[in-house]
Amino acid sequence: MSVFIAADRAGKVVGTIGCTVQQNKEGHLRGMAVLPDWQGTMVASELLRTAEKEIGSRGGDKITLDTTQPLQRAIRFYEKHGYKPTGKVRAFFGMPLFQYEKRLPTDS
């Protein structure tokens, strides 16, 4: 797993994101978080772009992520960045976990 952080000028961590690439070339985003005072800035977009770039550089051609219904702001953010629901839902400690995915552009 790769983990990326965003820090302010004083070095304080203001956001994080983790990602992996499986042997089937599928990338997966895990645990993206941005401090409330930094939400709505470009921090989240830059973290996402960095993780997508990492997945692509490691041969990934598709990225998935899981989120829950209460996280509507996050869902809108991911949809704005090209992620679409797959229709796959699984239970996460009794709460539905919805899968989203995005295909990465190919170099062909």
Protein backbone atom coordinates (compact mmCIF):
# COMPACT_ATOMS: atom_id res chain seq x y z
CA MET A 1 0.00 0.00 0.00
CA SER A 2 1.12 3.52 -0.76
CA VAL A 3 0.07 6.33 1.57
CA PHE A 4 0.27 9.98 0.62
CA ILE A 5 -0.06 12.99 2.87
CA ALA A 6 -0.77 16.65 2.31
CA ALA A 7 0.80 19.10 4.74
CA ASP A 8 0.45 22.82 5.28
CA ARG A 9 3.45 25.15 5.13
CA ALA A 10 4.21 24.49 8.79
CA GLY A 11 4.36 20.75 8.13
CA LYS A 12 1.05 19.87 9.81
CA VAL A 13 -0.71 16.97 8.08
CA VAL A 14 -4.01 18.19 6.62
CA GLY A 15 -4.99 15.18 4.49
CA THR A 16 -4.15 11.58 3.64
CA ILE A 17 -5.02 8.91 1.10
CA GLY A 18 -3.96 5.30 0.68
CA CYS A 19 -4.00 3.15 -2.44
CA THR A 20 -3.05 -0.31 -3.61
CA VAL A 21 -2.75 -2.13 -6.93
CA GLN A 22 -3.79 -5.76 -7.13
CA GLN A 23 -2.30 -8.34 -9.50
CA ASN A 24 -5.36 -7.99 -11.74
CA LYS A 25 -4.32 -4.35 -12.43
CA GLU A 26 -7.16 -3.04 -10.29
CA GLY A 27 -6.27 -0.16 -8.03
CA HIS A 28 -8.17 0.54 -4.83
CA LEU A 29 -8.42 3.74 -2.81
CA ARG A 30 -8.48 3.46 0.95
CA GLY A 31 -9.00 5.91 3.76
CA MET A 32 -9.02 9.35 2.18
CA ALA A 33 -9.44 12.09 4.78
CA VAL A 34 -8.97 15.85 4.82
CA LEU A 35 -9.23 18.05 7.91
CA PRO A 36 -12.48 20.07 7.98
CA ASP A 37 -10.70 23.44 7.61
CA TRP A 38 -9.06 22.16 4.41
CA GLN A 39 -12.15 20.63 2.82
CA GLY A 40 -13.29 22.55 -0.23
CA THR A 41 -9.72 23.49 -1.10
CA MET A 42 -7.69 21.64 -3.73
CA VAL A 43 -6.13 19.33 -1.14
CA ALA A 44 -8.57 16.46 -1.71
CA SER A 45 -8.34 16.77 -5.50
CA GLU A 46 -4.53 16.78 -5.38
CA LEU A 47 -4.44 13.76 -3.07
CA LEU A 48 -6.82 11.89 -5.37
CA ARG A 49 -4.81 12.87 -8.46
CA THR A 50 -1.60 11.67 -6.77
CA ALA A 51 -3.12 8.30 -5.87
CA GLU A 52 -4.55 7.86 -9.38
CA LYS A 53 -1.15 8.67 -10.87
CA GLU A 54 0.53 6.14 -8.56
CA ILE A 55 -1.97 3.43 -9.51
CA GLY A 56 -1.49 4.17 -13.21
CA SER A 57 2.30 4.11 -12.89
CA ARG A 58 2.05 0.65 -11.31
CA GLY A 59 0.01 -0.74 -14.21
CA GLY A 60 -3.46 -0.14 -12.82
CA ASP A 61 -6.20 0.36 -15.41
CA LYS A 62 -9.18 0.67 -13.09
CA ILE A 63 -9.66 2.14 -9.61
CA THR A 64 -12.30 1.17 -7.09
CA LEU A 65 -13.30 2.66 -3.77
CA ASP A 66 -15.95 1.95 -1.18
CA THR A 67 -18.07 4.47 0.65
CA THR A 68 -21.21 4.63 2.78
CA GLN A 69 -24.51 6.40 2.20
CA PRO A 70 -24.03 9.01 4.97
CA LEU A 71 -20.93 10.33 3.18
CA GLN A 72 -22.89 12.22 0.51
CA ARG A 73 -20.31 14.99 0.22
CA ALA A 74 -17.60 12.39 -0.47
CA ILE A 75 -19.83 10.63 -2.99
CA ARG A 76 -20.40 13.90 -4.87
CA PHE A 77 -16.65 14.57 -4.79
CA TYR A 78 -15.81 11.17 -6.27
CA GLU A 79 -18.57 11.42 -8.90
CA LYS A 80 -17.24 14.86 -9.90
CA HIS A 81 -13.85 13.19 -10.44
CA GLY A 82 -15.23 10.48 -12.73
CA TYR A 83 -16.14 7.67 -10.32
CA LYS A 84 -19.36 5.79 -11.01
CA PRO A 85 -21.32 3.34 -8.85
CA THR A 86 -20.78 -0.29 -9.82
CA GLY A 87 -23.95 -1.56 -8.15
CA LYS A 88 -21.89 -3.75 -5.82
CA VAL A 89 -22.92 -3.39 -2.18
CA ARG A 90 -21.53 -5.28 0.78
CA ALA A 91 -22.03 -5.08 4.51
CA PHE A 92 -19.56 -3.17 6.64
CA PHE A 93 -20.31 -3.63 10.34
CA GLY A 94 -24.02 -3.67 9.50
CA MET A 95 -23.84 -0.65 7.17
CA PRO A 96 -24.07 -0.91 3.38
CA LEU A 97 -20.77 -0.20 1.66
CA PHE A 98 -21.17 1.00 -1.94
CA GLN A 99 -18.47 0.42 -4.54
CA TYR A 100 -17.49 3.07 -7.11
CA GLU A 101 -15.00 2.74 -9.94
CA LYS A 102 -13.13 4.75 -12.52
CA ARG A 103 -11.33 3.49 -15.60
CA LEU A 104 -7.93 5.05 -16.19
CA PRO A 105 -7.05 6.21 -19.69
CA THR A 106 -4.88 3.83 -21.65
CA ASP A 107 -1.78 4.85 -23.56
CA SER A 108 -2.85 3.10 -26.76
